[in-house]
C-alpha cells in the first residue's frame, strides 16, 4: 500500500472525529442558555413582568407600584433591544391588568430562560428603604437557577441602593382565612408547609421577583421613580443579565447609530 493511501485512510477517521466533536460543541452551546459562558449561539429569551396594571395599582404611597414597575419595564425593554443576543418579552402591555395565572400561562408558552417580575414595596414607616430580591423557594425545581440570578442581581445593585437582601417570600396564616407575607433570609430555616409567590408556583421557568424601592420612602421615590431613575434601574438589570449569562455588555449606541 502506498504511503499516500495510508495517510488518506488515517485522515478520514480523524476528520470524522473532529466533525463529531464540532457538532457536539455547537449543539451544546446552542442549547445551554445562561450557563455563564459567552459563546451561546441562540438568543437568550427573557420575560419581564411589570407588577399590576390598569385599575390595580398594587402598593400605593408617594407613587403607585404599578406605575413604577411599568416605567422600569419600559426602560428595560428599550435597553435590552440594543443587544441582539437577547430577546425580551413582556407579560402585558403598560396600563393593562393581567391575572397571575394568565402571566404564568404566557411564560409557560414562551419558555424563556428566566423571568424578572418587577414590584415595589411599602412600609408604614416612611424611613424604611432597601431592595428586596426573592428567589424561588428551595423546594422548587427552579430554585438553583432562580437563586443564581437573584444573587447576581444583588451583586450588581449593591452600592447603588441603600441595601440589598436576597431571600424567599411565604404566605403565613394570620387570622382565619387571611395571610400575611413572611420574608425569610437565605440563612434562615425554610418553612416546608407554606405557599410562596403564585407566579413562581405556577411558572415552569425560573422566576426572580424584585422590590427595588419602597413607594412610601421619599428618597427612593425621588431617586428612582422618574425617567432618569427608570433608565438607571434598567441599566443595572441589563448589566446583571449580562453577567449572569457570561456576556460583555453592549453599550447604548449614540443617537445616530442603528440598533444592533
C-alpha atoms as a PDB file:
ATOM      1  CA  UNK A   1       0.000   0.000   0.000  1.00  0.00           C
ATOM      2  CA  UNK A   2       1.385   3.416  -0.915  1.00  0.00           C
ATOM      3  CA  UNK A   3       2.236   5.937   1.785  1.00  0.00           C
ATOM      4  CA  UNK A   4      -0.173   8.435   0.185  1.00  0.00           C
ATOM      5  CA  UNK A   5      -3.076   5.995   0.517  1.00  0.00           C
ATOM      6  CA  UNK A   6      -2.123   5.192   4.125  1.00  0.00           C
ATOM      7  CA  UNK A   7      -2.157   8.905   5.011  1.00  0.00           C
ATOM      8  CA  UNK A   8      -5.581   9.312   3.394  1.00  0.00           C
ATOM      9  CA  UNK A   9      -7.017   6.396   5.379  1.00  0.00           C
ATOM     10  CA  UNK A  10      -5.620   7.856   8.607  1.00  0.00           C
ATOM     11  CA  UNK A  11      -7.008  11.321   7.864  1.00  0.00           C
ATOM     12  CA  UNK A  12     -10.575  10.193   7.188  1.00  0.00           C
ATOM     13  CA  UNK A  13     -11.300   8.825  10.704  1.00  0.00           C
ATOM     14  CA  UNK A  14      -9.681  11.916  12.214  1.00  0.00           C
ATOM     15  CA  UNK A  15     -11.876  14.175  10.112  1.00  0.00           C
ATOM     16  CA  UNK A  16     -14.984  12.267  11.237  1.00  0.00           C
ATOM     17  CA  UNK A  17     -13.955  12.554  14.891  1.00  0.00           C
ATOM     18  CA  UNK A  18     -13.304  16.285  14.589  1.00  0.00           C
ATOM     19  CA  UNK A  19     -16.618  16.785  12.815  1.00  0.00           C
ATOM     20  CA  UNK A  20     -18.436  14.908  15.586  1.00  0.00           C
ATOM     21  CA  UNK A  21     -16.713  16.978  18.269  1.00  0.00           C
ATOM     22  CA  UNK A  22     -17.582  20.204  16.443  1.00  0.00           C
ATOM     23  CA  UNK A  23     -21.232  19.157  16.156  1.00  0.00           C
ATOM     24  CA  UNK A  24     -21.384  18.258  19.852  1.00  0.00           C
ATOM     25  CA  UNK A  25     -19.875  21.569  20.923  1.00  0.00           C
ATOM     26  CA  UNK A  26     -22.138  23.518  18.595  1.00  0.00           C
ATOM     27  CA  UNK A  27     -25.264  21.811  19.854  1.00  0.00           C
ATOM     28  CA  UNK A  28     -24.133  22.191  23.436  1.00  0.00           C
ATOM     29  CA  UNK A  29     -23.631  25.925  23.171  1.00  0.00           C
ATOM     30  CA  UNK A  30     -26.834  26.296  21.217  1.00  0.00           C
ATOM     31  CA  UNK A  31     -28.977  24.776  23.950  1.00  0.00           C
ATOM     32  CA  UNK A  32     -27.018  25.830  27.013  1.00  0.00           C
ATOM     33  CA  UNK A  33     -28.844  29.069  27.718  1.00  0.00           C
ATOM     34  CA  UNK A  34     -27.423  31.210  30.517  1.00  0.00           C
ATOM     35  CA  UNK A  35     -24.681  28.954  31.819  1.00  0.00           C
ATOM     36  CA  UNK A  36     -22.016  31.574  32.479  1.00  0.00           C
ATOM     37  CA  UNK A  37     -20.331  31.327  29.059  1.00  0.00           C
ATOM     38  CA  UNK A  38     -20.309  33.980  26.374  1.00  0.00           C
ATOM     39  CA  UNK A  39     -20.429  31.547  23.459  1.00  0.00           C
ATOM     40  CA  UNK A  40     -24.151  30.855  23.368  1.00  0.00           C
ATOM     41  CA  UNK A  41     -25.391  30.716  19.778  1.00  0.00           C
ATOM     42  CA  UNK A  42     -29.098  31.285  20.124  1.00  0.00           C
ATOM     43  CA  UNK A  43     -30.684  34.359  21.635  1.00  0.00           C
ATOM     44  CA  UNK A  44     -31.435  34.383  25.343  1.00  0.00           C
ATOM     45  CA  UNK A  45     -35.164  34.832  25.807  1.00  0.00           C
ATOM     46  CA  UNK A  46     -36.296  36.831  28.838  1.00  0.00           C
ATOM     47  CA  UNK A  47     -39.786  37.654  30.071  1.00  0.00           C
ATOM     48  CA  UNK A  48     -40.273  40.894  32.011  1.00  0.00           C
ATOM     49  CA  UNK A  49     -43.359  41.145  34.199  1.00  0.00           C
ATOM     50  CA  UNK A  50     -44.462  44.574  35.417  1.00  0.00           C
ATOM     51  CA  UNK A  51     -46.482  44.004  38.580  1.00  0.00           C
ATOM     52  CA  UNK A  52     -50.137  45.021  38.430  1.00  0.00           C
ATOM     53  CA  UNK A  53     -51.564  47.476  35.909  1.00  0.00           C
ATOM     54  CA  UNK A  54     -54.824  49.112  34.897  1.00  0.00           C
ATOM     55  CA  UNK A  55     -57.058  49.784  37.891  1.00  0.00           C
ATOM     56  CA  UNK A  56     -54.935  47.555  40.131  1.00  0.00           C
ATOM     57  CA  UNK A  57     -52.223  49.882  41.410  1.00  0.00           C
ATOM     58  CA  UNK A  58     -50.579  47.485  43.870  1.00  0.00           C
ATOM     59  CA  UNK A  59     -48.897  49.237  46.780  1.00  0.00           C
ATOM     60  CA  UNK A  60     -49.774  52.917  46.909  1.00  0.00           C
ATOM     61  CA  UNK A  61     -47.774  55.696  48.528  1.00  0.00           C
ATOM     62  CA  UNK A  62     -45.920  58.652  47.061  1.00  0.00           C
ATOM     63  CA  UNK A  63     -46.266  56.790  43.754  1.00  0.00           C
ATOM     64  CA  UNK A  64     -48.211  53.709  42.680  1.00  0.00           C
ATOM     65  CA  UNK A  65     -46.411  50.373  42.450  1.00  0.00           C
ATOM     66  CA  UNK A  66     -47.921  49.668  39.023  1.00  0.00           C
ATOM     67  CA  UNK A  67     -46.714  52.988  37.580  1.00  0.00           C
ATOM     68  CA  UNK A  68     -43.205  52.403  38.902  1.00  0.00           C
ATOM     69  CA  UNK A  69     -42.989  48.803  37.659  1.00  0.00           C
ATOM     70  CA  UNK A  70     -44.265  49.796  34.227  1.00  0.00           C
ATOM     71  CA  UNK A  71     -41.769  52.666  33.990  1.00  0.00           C
ATOM     72  CA  UNK A  72     -38.842  50.374  34.754  1.00  0.00           C
ATOM     73  CA  UNK A  73     -40.177  47.686  32.411  1.00  0.00           C
ATOM     74  CA  UNK A  74     -40.495  50.162  29.541  1.00  0.00           C
ATOM     75  CA  UNK A  75     -36.920  51.339  30.080  1.00  0.00           C
ATOM     76  CA  UNK A  76     -35.579  47.783  30.426  1.00  0.00           C
ATOM     77  CA  UNK A  77     -37.274  46.620  27.234  1.00  0.00           C
ATOM     78  CA  UNK A  78     -35.660  49.554  25.445  1.00  0.00           C
ATOM     79  CA  UNK A  79     -32.232  48.835  26.951  1.00  0.00           C
ATOM     80  CA  UNK A  80     -32.313  45.150  26.042  1.00  0.00           C
ATOM     81  CA  UNK A  81     -33.356  45.984  22.475  1.00  0.00           C
ATOM     82  CA  UNK A  82     -29.826  47.282  21.795  1.00  0.00           C
ATOM     83  CA  UNK A  83     -28.321  43.844  22.445  1.00  0.00           C
ATOM     84  CA  UNK A  84     -29.077  41.303  19.715  1.00  0.00           C
ATOM     85  CA  UNK A  85     -28.080  38.407  21.977  1.00  0.00           C
ATOM     86  CA  UNK A  86     -31.294  38.871  23.979  1.00  0.00           C
ATOM     87  CA  UNK A  87     -34.957  38.724  23.104  1.00  0.00           C
ATOM     88  CA  UNK A  88     -37.191  40.355  25.715  1.00  0.00           C
ATOM     89  CA  UNK A  89     -40.926  39.813  26.032  1.00  0.00           C
ATOM     90  CA  UNK A  90     -43.324  41.394  28.485  1.00  0.00           C
ATOM     91  CA  UNK A  91     -46.261  39.606  30.063  1.00  0.00           C
ATOM     92  CA  UNK A  92     -48.620  42.511  29.378  1.00  0.00           C
ATOM     93  CA  UNK A  93     -48.608  45.982  27.944  1.00  0.00           C
ATOM     94  CA  UNK A  94     -48.402  49.064  30.118  1.00  0.00           C
ATOM     95  CA  UNK A  95     -51.623  50.293  31.739  1.00  0.00           C
ATOM     96  CA  UNK A  96     -53.281  46.895  31.307  1.00  0.00           C
ATOM     97  CA  UNK A  97     -54.045  44.358  34.044  1.00  0.00           C
ATOM     98  CA  UNK A  98     -53.192  40.672  33.854  1.00  0.00           C
ATOM     99  CA  UNK A  99     -54.081  37.879  36.240  1.00  0.00           C
ATOM    100  CA  UNK A 100     -51.139  35.959  37.668  1.00  0.00           C
ATOM    101  CA  UNK A 101     -52.483  32.738  36.161  1.00  0.00           C
ATOM    102  CA  UNK A 102     -52.512  34.355  32.707  1.00  0.00           C
ATOM    103  CA  UNK A 103     -48.981  35.684  33.176  1.00  0.00           C
ATOM    104  CA  UNK A 104     -47.810  32.194  34.156  1.00  0.00           C
ATOM    105  CA  UNK A 105     -49.588  30.688  31.156  1.00  0.00           C
ATOM    106  CA  UNK A 106     -47.822  33.172  28.865  1.00  0.00           C
ATOM    107  CA  UNK A 107     -44.461  32.333  30.443  1.00  0.00           C
ATOM    108  CA  UNK A 108     -45.023  28.600  30.117  1.00  0.00           C
ATOM    109  CA  UNK A 109     -45.973  29.000  26.455  1.00  0.00           C
ATOM    110  CA  UNK A 110     -42.982  31.184  25.581  1.00  0.00           C
ATOM    111  CA  UNK A 111     -40.450  29.115  27.586  1.00  0.00           C
ATOM    112  CA  UNK A 112     -37.865  31.874  28.201  1.00  0.00           C
ATOM    113  CA  UNK A 113     -34.588  31.300  30.023  1.00  0.00           C
ATOM    114  CA  UNK A 114     -35.811  33.229  33.055  1.00  0.00           C
ATOM    115  CA  UNK A 115     -38.414  35.726  34.267  1.00  0.00           C
ATOM    116  CA  UNK A 116     -37.962  39.009  36.088  1.00  0.00           C
ATOM    117  CA  UNK A 117     -41.058  40.325  37.872  1.00  0.00           C
ATOM    118  CA  UNK A 118     -40.692  43.970  38.944  1.00  0.00           C
ATOM    119  CA  UNK A 119     -42.528  45.097  42.086  1.00  0.00           C
ATOM    120  CA  UNK A 120     -42.198  47.841  44.699  1.00  0.00           C
ATOM    121  CA  UNK A 121     -42.536  47.561  48.464  1.00  0.00           C
ATOM    122  CA  UNK A 122     -44.438  49.611  51.057  1.00  0.00           C
ATOM    123  CA  UNK A 123     -43.839  50.186  54.754  1.00  0.00           C
ATOM    124  CA  UNK A 124     -45.905  52.308  57.156  1.00  0.00           C
ATOM    125  CA  UNK A 125     -42.602  53.691  58.432  1.00  0.00           C
ATOM    126  CA  UNK A 126     -41.564  56.153  55.686  1.00  0.00           C
ATOM    127  CA  UNK A 127     -37.894  55.875  56.665  1.00  0.00           C
ATOM    128  CA  UNK A 128     -37.699  52.210  55.623  1.00  0.00           C
ATOM    129  CA  UNK A 129     -35.750  51.654  52.416  1.00  0.00           C
ATOM    130  CA  UNK A 130     -33.726  48.914  50.758  1.00  0.00           C
ATOM    131  CA  UNK A 131     -34.094  46.457  47.879  1.00  0.00           C
ATOM    132  CA  UNK A 132     -35.597  43.007  48.354  1.00  0.00           C
ATOM    133  CA  UNK A 133     -34.851  40.237  45.855  1.00  0.00           C
ATOM    134  CA  UNK A 134     -36.813  36.999  46.026  1.00  0.00           C
ATOM    135  CA  UNK A 135     -35.675  33.659  44.644  1.00  0.00           C
ATOM    136  CA  UNK A 136     -37.884  30.638  44.115  1.00  0.00           C
ATOM    137  CA  UNK A 137     -38.097  28.513  47.266  1.00  0.00           C
ATOM    138  CA  UNK A 138     -35.677  25.631  47.935  1.00  0.00           C
ATOM    139  CA  UNK A 139     -38.381  23.009  47.341  1.00  0.00           C
ATOM    140  CA  UNK A 140     -38.835  24.189  43.729  1.00  0.00           C
ATOM    141  CA  UNK A 141     -37.010  22.540  40.839  1.00  0.00           C
ATOM    142  CA  UNK A 142     -36.245  26.066  39.600  1.00  0.00           C
ATOM    143  CA  UNK A 143     -34.577  27.063  42.865  1.00  0.00           C
ATOM    144  CA  UNK A 144     -30.929  26.823  41.811  1.00  0.00           C
ATOM    145  CA  UNK A 145     -31.275  28.925  38.644  1.00  0.00           C
ATOM    146  CA  UNK A 146     -33.568  31.435  40.320  1.00  0.00           C
ATOM    147  CA  UNK A 147     -31.185  31.849  43.236  1.00  0.00           C
ATOM    148  CA  UNK A 148     -28.208  32.242  40.893  1.00  0.00           C
ATOM    149  CA  UNK A 149     -29.859  35.148  39.083  1.00  0.00           C
ATOM    150  CA  UNK A 150     -31.073  36.669  42.368  1.00  0.00           C
ATOM    151  CA  UNK A 151     -27.554  36.664  43.770  1.00  0.00           C
ATOM    152  CA  UNK A 152     -26.155  38.198  40.587  1.00  0.00           C
ATOM    153  CA  UNK A 153     -28.745  40.963  40.843  1.00  0.00           C
ATOM    154  CA  UNK A 154     -27.652  41.520  44.419  1.00  0.00           C
ATOM    155  CA  UNK A 155     -24.010  41.905  43.351  1.00  0.00           C
ATOM    156  CA  UNK A 156     -24.959  44.370  40.618  1.00  0.00           C
ATOM    157  CA  UNK A 157     -27.228  46.551  42.766  1.00  0.00           C
ATOM    158  CA  UNK A 158     -25.012  46.673  45.861  1.00  0.00           C
ATOM    159  CA  UNK A 159     -23.757  50.196  46.357  1.00  0.00           C
ATOM    160  CA  UNK A 160     -26.484  51.586  44.083  1.00  0.00           C
ATOM    161  CA  UNK A 161     -29.308  51.381  46.625  1.00  0.00           C
ATOM    162  CA  UNK A 162     -29.298  51.742  50.413  1.00  0.00           C
ATOM    163  CA  UNK A 163     -29.215  47.969  50.992  1.00  0.00           C
ATOM    164  CA  UNK A 164     -29.916  44.741  49.098  1.00  0.00           C
ATOM    165  CA  UNK A 165     -31.052  41.415  50.515  1.00  0.00           C
ATOM    166  CA  UNK A 166     -31.887  38.097  48.874  1.00  0.00           C
ATOM    167  CA  UNK A 167     -34.383  35.692  50.358  1.00  0.00           C
ATOM    168  CA  UNK A 168     -37.699  33.939  49.990  1.00  0.00           C
ATOM    169  CA  UNK A 169     -41.304  35.004  50.494  1.00  0.00           C
ATOM    170  CA  UNK A 170     -44.021  32.864  52.059  1.00  0.00           C
ATOM    171  CA  UNK A 171     -47.704  33.337  52.813  1.00  0.00           C
ATOM    172  CA  UNK A 172     -48.137  32.761  56.543  1.00  0.00           C
ATOM    173  CA  UNK A 173     -51.617  32.244  58.092  1.00  0.00           C
ATOM    174  CA  UNK A 174     -52.567  35.365  60.055  1.00  0.00           C
ATOM    175  CA  UNK A 175     -56.222  35.295  61.031  1.00  0.00           C
ATOM    176  CA  UNK A 176     -58.911  32.911  59.925  1.00  0.00           C
ATOM    177  CA  UNK A 177     -58.994  33.000  56.123  1.00  0.00           C
ATOM    178  CA  UNK A 178     -56.222  35.608  55.821  1.00  0.00           C
ATOM    179  CA  UNK A 179     -52.478  35.500  55.317  1.00  0.00           C
ATOM    180  CA  UNK A 180     -49.518  37.829  55.732  1.00  0.00           C
ATOM    181  CA  UNK A 181     -46.226  37.883  53.887  1.00  0.00           C
ATOM    182  CA  UNK A 182     -43.281  36.276  55.655  1.00  0.00           C
ATOM    183  CA  UNK A 183     -39.841  37.258  54.358  1.00  0.00           C
ATOM    184  CA  UNK A 184     -37.147  34.669  55.078  1.00  0.00           C
ATOM    185  CA  UNK A 185     -33.410  35.146  54.580  1.00  0.00           C
ATOM    186  CA  UNK A 186     -31.209  32.610  52.828  1.00  0.00           C
ATOM    187  CA  UNK A 187     -29.584  31.664  56.118  1.00  0.00           C
ATOM    188  CA  UNK A 188     -32.883  31.130  57.967  1.00  0.00           C
ATOM    189  CA  UNK A 189     -34.693  27.828  58.379  1.00  0.00           C
ATOM    190  CA  UNK A 190     -37.052  27.395  55.454  1.00  0.00           C
ATOM    191  CA  UNK A 191     -40.748  26.705  56.076  1.00  0.00           C
ATOM    192  CA  UNK A 192     -41.897  23.465  54.477  1.00  0.00           C
ATOM    193  CA  UNK A 193     -45.662  23.894  54.583  1.00  0.00           C
ATOM    194  CA  UNK A 194     -46.218  27.463  53.367  1.00  0.00           C
ATOM    195  CA  UNK A 195     -47.043  28.733  49.888  1.00  0.00           C
ATOM    196  CA  UNK A 196     -44.854  31.227  48.028  1.00  0.00           C
ATOM    197  CA  UNK A 197     -45.476  33.773  45.254  1.00  0.00           C
ATOM    198  CA  UNK A 198     -48.177  32.482  42.903  1.00  0.00           C
ATOM    199  CA  UNK A 199     -46.172  33.438  39.811  1.00  0.00           C
ATOM    200  CA  UNK A 200     -43.261  31.299  40.981  1.00  0.00           C
ATOM    201  CA  UNK A 201     -45.533  28.412  41.895  1.00  0.00           C
ATOM    202  CA  UNK A 202     -47.371  28.396  38.557  1.00  0.00           C
ATOM    203  CA  UNK A 203     -44.405  29.040  36.243  1.00  0.00           C
ATOM    204  CA  UNK A 204     -42.300  26.262  34.759  1.00  0.00           C
ATOM    205  CA  UNK A 205     -39.440  28.743  34.315  1.00  0.00           C
ATOM    206  CA  UNK A 206     -37.060  30.248  36.930  1.00  0.00           C
ATOM    207  CA  UNK A 207     -38.574  33.465  38.299  1.00  0.00           C
ATOM    208  CA  UNK A 208     -36.948  36.250  40.303  1.00  0.00           C
ATOM    209  CA  UNK A 209     -39.093  38.938  41.929  1.00  0.00           C
ATOM    210  CA  UNK A 210     -37.628  42.298  42.932  1.00  0.00           C
ATOM    211  CA  UNK A 211     -38.796  45.169  45.092  1.00  0.00           C
ATOM    212  CA  UNK A 212     -36.191  47.812  44.331  1.00  0.00           C
ATOM    213  CA  UNK A 213     -37.898  50.751  46.049  1.00  0.00           C
ATOM    214  CA  UNK A 214     -40.410  51.473  48.773  1.00  0.00           C
ATOM    215  CA  UNK A 215     -43.228  53.643  47.427  1.00  0.00           C
ATOM    216  CA  UNK A 216     -43.516  55.063  50.970  1.00  0.00           C
ATOM    217  CA  UNK A 217     -39.922  56.346  51.070  1.00  0.00           C
ATOM    218  CA  UNK A 218     -39.305  59.849  49.731  1.00  0.00           C
ATOM    219  CA  UNK A 219     -35.637  59.256  48.911  1.00  0.00           C
ATOM    220  CA  UNK A 220     -36.415  56.064  46.970  1.00  0.00           C
ATOM    221  CA  UNK A 221     -39.165  57.752  45.008  1.00  0.00           C
ATOM    222  CA  UNK A 222     -37.126  60.886  44.307  1.00  0.00           C
ATOM    223  CA  UNK A 223     -34.180  58.872  43.036  1.00  0.00           C
ATOM    224  CA  UNK A 224     -35.821  56.066  41.074  1.00  0.00           C
ATOM    225  CA  UNK A 225     -39.464  56.875  40.212  1.00  0.00           C
ATOM    226  CA  UNK A 226     -38.788  59.144  37.245  1.00  0.00           C
ATOM    227  CA  UNK A 227     -37.485  58.811  33.699  1.00  0.00           C
ATOM    228  CA  UNK A 228     -33.805  59.001  34.671  1.00  0.00           C
ATOM    229  CA  UNK A 229     -34.330  56.601  37.556  1.00  0.00           C
ATOM    230  CA  UNK A 230     -36.119  54.123  35.289  1.00  0.00           C
ATOM    231  CA  UNK A 231     -33.236  54.259  32.812  1.00  0.00           C
ATOM    232  CA  UNK A 232     -30.639  53.820  35.555  1.00  0.00           C
ATOM    233  CA  UNK A 233     -32.508  50.861  37.029  1.00  0.00           C
ATOM    234  CA  UNK A 234     -32.863  49.313  33.571  1.00  0.00           C
ATOM    235  CA  UNK A 235     -29.110  49.608  33.009  1.00  0.00           C
ATOM    236  CA  UNK A 236     -28.408  47.799  36.265  1.00  0.00           C
ATOM    237  CA  UNK A 237     -30.832  44.998  35.437  1.00  0.00           C
ATOM    238  CA  UNK A 238     -29.269  44.667  31.987  1.00  0.00           C
ATOM    239  CA  UNK A 239     -25.752  44.542  33.464  1.00  0.00           C
ATOM    240  CA  UNK A 240     -26.883  41.772  35.823  1.00  0.00           C
ATOM    241  CA  UNK A 241     -28.393  39.773  32.943  1.00  0.00           C
ATOM    242  CA  UNK A 242     -25.138  40.013  31.003  1.00  0.00           C
ATOM    243  CA  UNK A 243     -23.073  38.915  33.997  1.00  0.00           C
ATOM    244  CA  UNK A 244     -25.424  36.001  34.675  1.00  0.00           C
ATOM    245  CA  UNK A 245     -25.189  34.842  31.047  1.00  0.00           C
ATOM    246  CA  UNK A 246     -21.446  35.427  30.717  1.00  0.00           C
ATOM    247  CA  UNK A 247     -21.792  38.293  28.227  1.00  0.00           C
ATOM    248  CA  UNK A 248     -19.890  41.517  27.899  1.00  0.00           C
ATOM    249  CA  UNK A 249     -22.459  44.348  27.969  1.00  0.00           C
ATOM    250  CA  UNK A 250     -23.183  46.204  24.741  1.00  0.00           C
ATOM    251  CA  UNK A 251     -23.121  49.999  25.160  1.00  0.00           C
ATOM    252  CA  UNK A 252     -26.117  52.090  24.229  1.00  0.00           C
ATOM    253  CA  UNK A 253     -25.406  53.474  20.739  1.00  0.00           C
ATOM    254  CA  UNK A 254     -25.201  57.137  20.012  1.00  0.00           C
ATOM    255  CA  UNK A 255     -28.492  58.606  18.755  1.00  0.00           C
ATOM    256  CA  UNK A 256     -27.470  58.432  15.080  1.00  0.00           C
ATOM    257  CA  UNK A 257     -26.396  54.771  15.312  1.00  0.00           C
ATOM    258  CA  UNK A 258     -28.625  51.845  14.457  1.00  0.00           C
ATOM    259  CA  UNK A 259     -29.670  49.229  16.980  1.00  0.00           C
ATOM    260  CA  UNK A 260     -27.648  46.004  16.905  1.00  0.00           C
END
